[in-house]
Amino acid sequence: LKPYVMPAEPDVIEAVSSVVKTQGLLEWALVDHEGSPAAGRMDSSLLEMISFCGQALTGLGKTNFHHARFSRPQGEDIFIFAVGAFFLGMVKQRKAMADEIIRAVENTLSGLNGNSG
């Protein structure tokens, strides 16, 4: 997989870059509402799914949508986080601790989304 590099808000890219250093991730991507990648590495088949689910969850939760976790039988769960005008999609490694990843991401992104954590 090639890394994506497209223009995006510098503070978003900087925050996401610090988040993806979290251990236990197989792949990740920062996508816009069209499913176009702004940064990261992720199988292209997941990009549209990240955008579609992010938009649907935002519609349901309005400004209260922070993240969603989709459990997969093989343990490589998918996470979607609202990050400004983007969605951050992540796929965790099988043995990685989901709660630790979620906590690390939320702590890093809380300032960008204007949340207290």
C-alpha atoms as a PDB file:
ATOM      1  CA  LEU A   1       0.000   0.000   0.000  1.00  0.00           C
ATOM      2  CA  LYS A   2       1.286   3.445  -0.893  1.00  0.00           C
ATOM      3  CA  PRO A   3       0.872   6.307   1.589  1.00  0.00           C
ATOM      4  CA  TYR A   4      -1.669   8.931   0.538  1.00  0.00           C
ATOM      5  CA  VAL A   5      -0.670  12.565   0.573  1.00  0.00           C
ATOM      6  CA  MET A   6      -3.280  15.128  -0.429  1.00  0.00           C
ATOM      7  CA  PRO A   7      -3.908  18.646   0.856  1.00  0.00           C
ATOM      8  CA  ALA A   8      -5.712  18.754   4.182  1.00  0.00           C
ATOM      9  CA  GLU A   9      -5.839  21.053   7.153  1.00  0.00           C
ATOM     10  CA  PRO A  10      -2.307  21.000   8.633  1.00  0.00           C
ATOM     11  CA  ASP A  11      -3.510  20.647  12.227  1.00  0.00           C
ATOM     12  CA  VAL A  12      -5.615  17.624  11.292  1.00  0.00           C
ATOM     13  CA  ILE A  13      -2.717  15.922   9.502  1.00  0.00           C
ATOM     14  CA  GLU A  14      -0.369  16.703  12.402  1.00  0.00           C
ATOM     15  CA  ALA A  15      -2.765  15.279  14.997  1.00  0.00           C
ATOM     16  CA  VAL A  16      -3.483  12.187  12.940  1.00  0.00           C
ATOM     17  CA  SER A  17       0.226  11.604  12.365  1.00  0.00           C
ATOM     18  CA  SER A  18       0.777  11.532  16.106  1.00  0.00           C
ATOM     19  CA  VAL A  19      -2.192   9.191  16.614  1.00  0.00           C
ATOM     20  CA  VAL A  20      -1.103   6.608  14.060  1.00  0.00           C
ATOM     21  CA  LYS A  21       2.116   6.075  15.977  1.00  0.00           C
ATOM     22  CA  THR A  22      -0.100   4.141  18.383  1.00  0.00           C
ATOM     23  CA  GLN A  23       1.016   0.531  18.422  1.00  0.00           C
ATOM     24  CA  GLY A  24      -1.343  -2.093  17.154  1.00  0.00           C
ATOM     25  CA  LEU A  25      -2.606  -0.620  13.865  1.00  0.00           C
ATOM     26  CA  LEU A  26      -2.550  -2.534  10.595  1.00  0.00           C
ATOM     27  CA  GLU A  27      -3.737   0.310   8.390  1.00  0.00           C
ATOM     28  CA  TRP A  28      -5.299   3.752   8.619  1.00  0.00           C
ATOM     29  CA  ALA A  29      -6.574   6.586   6.438  1.00  0.00           C
ATOM     30  CA  LEU A  30      -7.896  10.084   6.857  1.00  0.00           C
ATOM     31  CA  VAL A  31     -10.716  10.484   4.319  1.00  0.00           C
ATOM     32  CA  ASP A  32     -13.014  13.299   3.293  1.00  0.00           C
ATOM     33  CA  HIS A  33     -16.773  12.981   2.887  1.00  0.00           C
ATOM     34  CA  GLU A  34     -16.318  11.717  -0.677  1.00  0.00           C
ATOM     35  CA  GLY A  35     -14.069   8.858   0.442  1.00  0.00           C
ATOM     36  CA  SER A  36     -10.950  10.481  -1.000  1.00  0.00           C
ATOM     37  CA  PRO A  37      -7.854   9.880   1.128  1.00  0.00           C
ATOM     38  CA  ALA A  38      -6.049  12.899   2.590  1.00  0.00           C
ATOM     39  CA  ALA A  39      -3.341  10.864   4.320  1.00  0.00           C
ATOM     40  CA  GLY A  40      -2.527   7.352   5.437  1.00  0.00           C
ATOM     41  CA  ARG A  41      -2.417   3.794   4.229  1.00  0.00           C
ATOM     42  CA  MET A  42      -5.535   1.698   3.766  1.00  0.00           C
ATOM     43  CA  ASP A  43      -6.919  -0.808   1.316  1.00  0.00           C
ATOM     44  CA  SER A  44      -8.967   1.150  -1.200  1.00  0.00           C
ATOM     45  CA  SER A  45     -11.976  -1.110  -0.624  1.00  0.00           C
ATOM     46  CA  LEU A  46     -12.313   0.320   2.890  1.00  0.00           C
ATOM     47  CA  LEU A  47     -12.051   4.018   1.989  1.00  0.00           C
ATOM     48  CA  GLU A  48     -15.624   4.460   0.758  1.00  0.00           C
ATOM     49  CA  MET A  49     -16.940   2.371   3.658  1.00  0.00           C
ATOM     50  CA  ILE A  50     -15.164   4.658   6.148  1.00  0.00           C
ATOM     51  CA  SER A  51     -16.677   7.749   4.515  1.00  0.00           C
ATOM     52  CA  PHE A  52     -20.177   6.251   4.125  1.00  0.00           C
ATOM     53  CA  CYS A  53     -20.330   4.968   7.716  1.00  0.00           C
ATOM     54  CA  GLY A  54     -18.850   8.194   9.070  1.00  0.00           C
ATOM     55  CA  GLN A  55     -21.493  10.257   7.299  1.00  0.00           C
ATOM     56  CA  ALA A  56     -24.308   7.975   8.448  1.00  0.00           C
ATOM     57  CA  LEU A  57     -23.090   8.024  12.052  1.00  0.00           C
ATOM     58  CA  THR A  58     -22.678  11.794  11.976  1.00  0.00           C
ATOM     59  CA  GLY A  59     -26.244  12.087  10.678  1.00  0.00           C
ATOM     60  CA  LEU A  60     -27.525   9.944  13.526  1.00  0.00           C
ATOM     61  CA  GLY A  61     -25.444  11.487  16.276  1.00  0.00           C
ATOM     62  CA  LYS A  62     -25.110  14.993  14.860  1.00  0.00           C
ATOM     63  CA  THR A  63     -22.312  16.716  16.763  1.00  0.00           C
ATOM     64  CA  ASN A  64     -22.206  13.937  19.366  1.00  0.00           C
ATOM     65  CA  PHE A  65     -20.572  11.354  17.068  1.00  0.00           C
ATOM     66  CA  HIS A  66     -17.003  10.775  18.240  1.00  0.00           C
ATOM     67  CA  HIS A  67     -16.147   7.242  17.178  1.00  0.00           C
ATOM     68  CA  ALA A  68     -17.525   3.868  16.179  1.00  0.00           C
ATOM     69  CA  ARG A  69     -16.042   0.401  16.423  1.00  0.00           C
ATOM     70  CA  PHE A  70     -16.946  -2.437  14.095  1.00  0.00           C
ATOM     71  CA  SER A  71     -15.901  -5.806  15.506  1.00  0.00           C
ATOM     72  CA  ARG A  72     -14.723  -8.382  13.008  1.00  0.00           C
ATOM     73  CA  PRO A  73     -14.579 -12.150  13.615  1.00  0.00           C
ATOM     74  CA  GLN A  74     -10.842 -12.309  12.940  1.00  0.00           C
ATOM     75  CA  GLY A  75     -10.206  -9.570  15.543  1.00  0.00           C
ATOM     76  CA  GLU A  76      -9.013  -6.899  13.116  1.00  0.00           C
ATOM     77  CA  ASP A  77     -11.629  -4.390  14.219  1.00  0.00           C
ATOM     78  CA  ILE A  78     -12.323  -1.192  12.301  1.00  0.00           C
ATOM     79  CA  PHE A  79     -12.587   2.183  14.039  1.00  0.00           C
ATOM     80  CA  ILE A  80     -14.033   5.376  12.592  1.00  0.00           C
ATOM     81  CA  PHE A  81     -13.418   8.719  14.292  1.00  0.00           C
ATOM     82  CA  ALA A  82     -14.827  12.141  13.426  1.00  0.00           C
ATOM     83  CA  VAL A  83     -11.870  14.484  12.846  1.00  0.00           C
ATOM     84  CA  GLY A  84     -12.931  17.960  11.822  1.00  0.00           C
ATOM     85  CA  ALA A  85     -14.165  17.738   8.215  1.00  0.00           C
ATOM     86  CA  PHE A  86     -12.646  14.257   7.844  1.00  0.00           C
ATOM     87  CA  PHE A  87     -13.086  10.713   9.102  1.00  0.00           C
ATOM     88  CA  LEU A  88     -10.177   8.727  10.451  1.00  0.00           C
ATOM     89  CA  GLY A  89     -10.462   5.022   9.706  1.00  0.00           C
ATOM     90  CA  MET A  90      -8.202   2.512  11.447  1.00  0.00           C
ATOM     91  CA  VAL A  91      -7.837  -1.253  11.389  1.00  0.00           C
ATOM     92  CA  LYS A  92      -6.267  -2.766  14.499  1.00  0.00           C
ATOM     93  CA  GLN A  93      -4.044  -5.805  14.762  1.00  0.00           C
ATOM     94  CA  ARG A  94      -5.712  -8.935  16.139  1.00  0.00           C
ATOM     95  CA  LYS A  95      -4.085  -8.851  19.564  1.00  0.00           C
ATOM     96  CA  ALA A  96      -4.053  -5.077  20.010  1.00  0.00           C
ATOM     97  CA  MET A  97      -6.164  -3.676  22.827  1.00  0.00           C
ATOM     98  CA  ALA A  98      -9.099  -1.772  21.322  1.00  0.00           C
ATOM     99  CA  ASP A  99      -9.753   0.308  24.456  1.00  0.00           C
ATOM    100  CA  GLU A 100      -6.157   1.551  24.532  1.00  0.00           C
ATOM    101  CA  ILE A 101      -6.272   2.568  20.878  1.00  0.00           C
ATOM    102  CA  ILE A 102      -9.611   4.353  21.314  1.00  0.00           C
ATOM    103  CA  ARG A 103      -8.374   6.189  24.409  1.00  0.00           C
ATOM    104  CA  ALA A 104      -5.145   7.306  22.686  1.00  0.00           C
ATOM    105  CA  VAL A 105      -6.994   8.529  19.608  1.00  0.00           C
ATOM    106  CA  GLU A 106      -9.691  10.357  21.573  1.00  0.00           C
ATOM    107  CA  ASN A 107      -7.127  12.056  23.816  1.00  0.00           C
ATOM    108  CA  THR A 108      -5.205  13.309  20.791  1.00  0.00           C
ATOM    109  CA  LEU A 109      -8.203  14.398  18.749  1.00  0.00           C
ATOM    110  CA  SER A 110     -10.274  15.999  21.510  1.00  0.00           C
ATOM    111  CA  GLY A 111      -8.730  19.411  20.934  1.00  0.00           C
ATOM    112  CA  LEU A 112      -9.399  19.329  17.192  1.00  0.00           C
ATOM    113  CA  ASN A 113     -13.061  18.470  17.595  1.00  0.00           C
ATOM    114  CA  GLY A 114     -13.568  20.970  20.396  1.00  0.00           C
ATOM    115  CA  ASN A 115     -14.383  18.229  22.905  1.00  0.00           C
ATOM    116  CA  SER A 116     -13.114  17.870  26.430  1.00  0.00           C
ATOM    117  CA  GLY A 117     -12.242  14.203  25.910  1.00  0.00           C
END
